[in-house]
Amino acid sequence: LVAGLYQQTAALLSKHGDYLLWTRGETHTLLRWMNIFPRQVLSDYPDLILLEAWSHLVSVNLEAVETCLREIVRRDDLRFAADVAALRSFILRLNGDLSGTIELSYLALARLPNKHNPLYYLTAMNLINTYILNCELKQAISTTSNLLEDIRGWNIPPALNLLIGPHLVESSLLVLQGRPREAKKLLE
């Protein structure tokens, strides 16, 4: 980036950006780099705009997430529909629109490419949290049980394991079932 090799750097980041965000947790580094790129270069790499949007979401900069989403939606490219739905579901939950969150979460989960995808798990956890906020505990328990089954056997990236690792999902399920002592013991 310092040398001005924007296209080459964008191509590399397009290939390895998910690793930096979801495995290494390099949110601030990614955002700093995105600010260096000319917007014209980023427009050639919509996956980098998505990566920027997810990085802004992790940093809870919802206005910046929306700016990125507007750039992506202008493309009218169905390849990004699942990501857009997932990102918007988080924004809706953070803004208190629980029914909209549930609707978009299901849309995103149905369109995400495979269940061993970090975005699938983050979106499922967003859905679970929304059910809890909406006092729909049966739905939260059911969704958590399904997610726990999906997680078993998947090598979750370390940065995500802190957020959605099987131990956390299982402890959440125990709490939802009214078994907080067992949950605490599991986390010790």
Protein backbone atom coordinates (compact mmCIF):
# COMPACT_ATOMS: atom_id res chain seq x y z
CA LEU A 1 0.00 0.00 0.00
CA VAL A 2 2.79 2.40 0.87
CA ALA A 3 4.32 1.84 -2.57
CA GLY A 4 1.01 2.66 -4.24
CA LEU A 5 0.54 -0.83 -5.64
CA TYR A 6 -3.18 -0.69 -5.00
CA GLN A 7 -4.42 -3.25 -7.52
CA GLN A 8 -1.88 -5.87 -6.44
CA THR A 9 -2.55 -5.21 -2.76
CA ALA A 10 -6.31 -5.35 -3.33
CA ALA A 11 -5.95 -8.70 -5.11
CA LEU A 12 -3.94 -10.10 -2.17
CA LEU A 13 -6.33 -8.71 0.39
CA SER A 14 -9.27 -10.06 -1.58
CA LYS A 15 -7.71 -13.50 -1.28
CA HIS A 16 -6.60 -13.31 2.38
CA GLY A 17 -8.86 -10.67 3.97
CA ASP A 18 -11.29 -13.17 5.49
CA TYR A 19 -8.37 -14.87 7.22
CA LEU A 20 -7.21 -11.55 8.66
CA LEU A 21 -10.66 -10.65 9.95
CA TRP A 22 -12.13 -13.98 11.10
CA THR A 23 -9.01 -15.94 12.09
CA ARG A 24 -6.64 -13.25 13.26
CA GLY A 25 -9.16 -10.61 14.37
CA GLU A 26 -7.30 -7.80 12.58
CA THR A 27 -10.30 -5.48 12.41
CA HIS A 28 -8.48 -2.20 12.98
CA THR A 29 -5.64 -3.11 10.62
CA LEU A 30 -8.13 -3.92 7.87
CA LEU A 31 -10.01 -0.66 8.41
CA ARG A 32 -6.77 1.33 8.36
CA TRP A 33 -5.81 -0.32 5.06
CA MET A 34 -9.27 0.26 3.58
CA ASN A 35 -8.88 3.98 4.29
CA ILE A 36 -5.65 4.05 2.26
CA PHE A 37 -7.19 2.49 -0.87
CA PRO A 38 -8.69 4.87 -3.41
CA ARG A 39 -12.46 4.13 -3.59
CA GLN A 40 -12.09 3.53 -7.34
CA VAL A 41 -9.80 0.55 -6.64
CA LEU A 42 -12.17 -0.84 -4.02
CA SER A 43 -15.03 -0.60 -6.49
CA ASP A 44 -13.23 -3.27 -8.56
CA TYR A 45 -13.26 -5.57 -5.49
CA PRO A 46 -16.76 -5.75 -4.01
CA ASP A 47 -15.62 -8.53 -1.67
CA LEU A 48 -13.28 -5.99 -0.06
CA ILE A 49 -16.18 -3.59 0.42
CA LEU A 50 -18.00 -6.44 2.20
CA LEU A 51 -14.92 -7.11 4.30
CA GLU A 52 -14.83 -3.43 5.16
CA ALA A 53 -18.53 -3.56 6.11
CA TRP A 54 -17.98 -6.56 8.42
CA SER A 55 -14.98 -4.81 9.97
CA HIS A 56 -17.10 -1.72 10.62
CA LEU A 57 -19.81 -3.90 12.15
CA VAL A 58 -17.28 -5.49 14.51
CA SER A 59 -16.27 -1.93 15.46
CA VAL A 60 -19.99 -1.02 15.82
CA ASN A 61 -19.75 1.79 13.28
CA LEU A 62 -23.23 1.30 11.82
CA GLU A 63 -23.15 4.40 9.64
CA ALA A 64 -19.99 3.14 7.90
CA VAL A 65 -21.59 -0.32 7.48
CA GLU A 66 -24.57 1.30 5.74
CA THR A 67 -22.26 3.29 3.46
CA CYS A 68 -20.55 0.05 2.40
CA LEU A 69 -23.89 -1.69 1.94
CA ARG A 70 -25.13 1.10 -0.35
CA GLU A 71 -22.03 0.59 -2.53
CA ILE A 72 -22.66 -3.14 -2.70
CA VAL A 73 -26.41 -2.90 -3.34
CA ARG A 74 -25.81 -0.46 -6.23
CA ARG A 75 -24.06 -3.32 -8.00
CA ASP A 76 -27.27 -5.39 -8.02
CA ASP A 77 -25.18 -8.57 -7.77
CA LEU A 78 -26.96 -11.57 -6.23
CA ARG A 79 -23.63 -13.06 -5.09
CA PHE A 80 -23.67 -10.59 -2.20
CA ALA A 81 -27.33 -10.95 -1.16
CA ALA A 82 -26.60 -13.25 1.79
CA ASP A 83 -23.92 -10.95 3.20
CA VAL A 84 -26.12 -7.90 2.76
CA ALA A 85 -29.02 -9.64 4.54
CA ALA A 86 -26.71 -10.80 7.36
CA LEU A 87 -25.19 -7.35 7.86
CA ARG A 88 -28.58 -5.67 7.79
CA SER A 89 -29.91 -8.20 10.32
CA PHE A 90 -27.24 -7.07 12.79
CA ILE A 91 -28.04 -3.41 12.17
CA LEU A 92 -31.75 -4.06 12.71
CA ARG A 93 -31.09 -5.85 16.01
CA LEU A 94 -28.82 -3.09 17.23
CA ASN A 95 -31.55 -0.59 16.32
CA GLY A 96 -34.24 -2.62 18.10
CA ASP A 97 -36.16 -4.03 15.10
CA LEU A 98 -36.40 -7.62 16.32
CA SER A 99 -38.95 -8.93 13.81
CA GLY A 100 -36.92 -7.48 10.93
CA THR A 101 -33.80 -9.09 12.39
CA ILE A 102 -35.45 -12.51 12.51
CA GLU A 103 -36.69 -12.20 8.93
CA LEU A 104 -33.34 -11.10 7.49
CA SER A 105 -31.39 -13.62 9.58
CA TYR A 106 -33.41 -16.48 8.10
CA LEU A 107 -32.95 -15.06 4.61
CA ALA A 108 -29.19 -14.79 5.12
CA LEU A 109 -28.90 -18.29 6.66
CA ALA A 110 -30.79 -19.79 3.72
CA ARG A 111 -28.45 -18.10 1.22
CA LEU A 112 -25.06 -18.46 2.90
CA PRO A 113 -22.93 -20.92 0.94
CA ASN A 114 -22.18 -23.49 3.62
CA LYS A 115 -22.66 -24.08 7.29
CA HIS A 116 -18.90 -24.10 7.97
CA ASN A 117 -18.77 -20.41 7.23
CA PRO A 118 -18.06 -17.84 9.95
CA LEU A 119 -20.87 -15.63 8.68
CA TYR A 120 -23.34 -18.49 9.08
CA TYR A 121 -22.44 -18.85 12.75
CA LEU A 122 -22.42 -15.13 13.45
CA THR A 123 -25.81 -14.76 11.80
CA ALA A 124 -27.20 -17.74 13.73
CA MET A 125 -25.93 -16.25 17.00
CA ASN A 126 -27.52 -12.92 16.05
CA LEU A 127 -30.80 -14.78 15.50
CA ILE A 128 -30.49 -16.54 18.88
CA ASN A 129 -29.80 -13.25 20.66
CA THR A 130 -32.79 -11.72 18.93
CA TYR A 131 -35.07 -14.53 20.09
CA ILE A 132 -33.82 -14.00 23.63
CA LEU A 133 -34.43 -10.24 23.43
CA ASN A 134 -37.89 -10.96 22.05
CA CYS A 135 -38.59 -13.39 24.94
CA GLU A 136 -39.01 -16.31 22.51
CA LEU A 137 -37.03 -18.78 24.59
CA LYS A 138 -38.32 -21.94 22.86
CA GLN A 139 -37.10 -20.61 19.52
CA ALA A 140 -33.79 -19.58 21.10
CA ILE A 141 -33.31 -23.06 22.60
CA SER A 142 -34.20 -24.78 19.32
CA THR A 143 -31.91 -22.55 17.25
CA THR A 144 -29.08 -22.92 19.78
CA SER A 145 -29.43 -26.72 19.75
CA ASN A 146 -29.28 -26.74 15.96
CA LEU A 147 -26.26 -24.45 15.93
CA LEU A 148 -24.49 -26.62 18.49
CA GLU A 149 -24.97 -29.66 16.25
CA ASP A 150 -23.65 -27.71 13.25
CA ILE A 151 -20.57 -26.52 15.16
CA ARG A 152 -19.43 -29.92 16.41
CA GLY A 153 -16.52 -31.13 14.34
CA TRP A 154 -15.81 -27.81 12.68
CA ASN A 155 -12.41 -26.23 13.23
CA ILE A 156 -13.56 -22.74 14.18
CA PRO A 157 -10.99 -19.96 13.60
CA PRO A 158 -9.46 -18.79 16.92
CA ALA A 159 -10.83 -15.23 16.77
CA LEU A 160 -14.34 -16.62 16.26
CA ASN A 161 -13.97 -19.38 18.81
CA LEU A 162 -14.08 -16.68 21.50
CA LEU A 163 -17.46 -15.56 20.16
CA ILE A 164 -19.14 -18.77 19.00
CA GLY A 165 -17.09 -21.74 20.14
CA PRO A 166 -19.04 -24.87 21.09
CA HIS A 167 -18.39 -24.25 24.79
CA LEU A 168 -20.08 -20.84 24.59
CA VAL A 169 -23.00 -22.09 22.54
CA GLU A 170 -23.48 -25.05 24.86
CA SER A 171 -23.31 -22.83 27.96
CA SER A 172 -25.89 -20.49 26.39
CA LEU A 173 -28.16 -23.46 25.81
CA LEU A 174 -27.79 -24.54 29.44
CA VAL A 175 -28.67 -21.05 30.67
CA LEU A 176 -31.71 -20.93 28.38
CA GLN A 177 -32.80 -24.28 29.80
CA GLY A 178 -32.59 -22.88 33.33
CA ARG A 179 -29.33 -24.64 34.22
CA PRO A 180 -26.93 -21.75 34.95
CA ARG A 181 -24.73 -23.69 37.39
CA GLU A 182 -23.94 -26.28 34.73
CA ALA A 183 -23.20 -23.48 32.29
CA LYS A 184 -20.80 -21.84 34.72
CA LYS A 185 -19.05 -25.14 35.34
CA LEU A 186 -18.65 -25.70 31.61
CA LEU A 187 -16.96 -22.33 31.21
CA GLU A 188 -14.53 -22.79 34.13
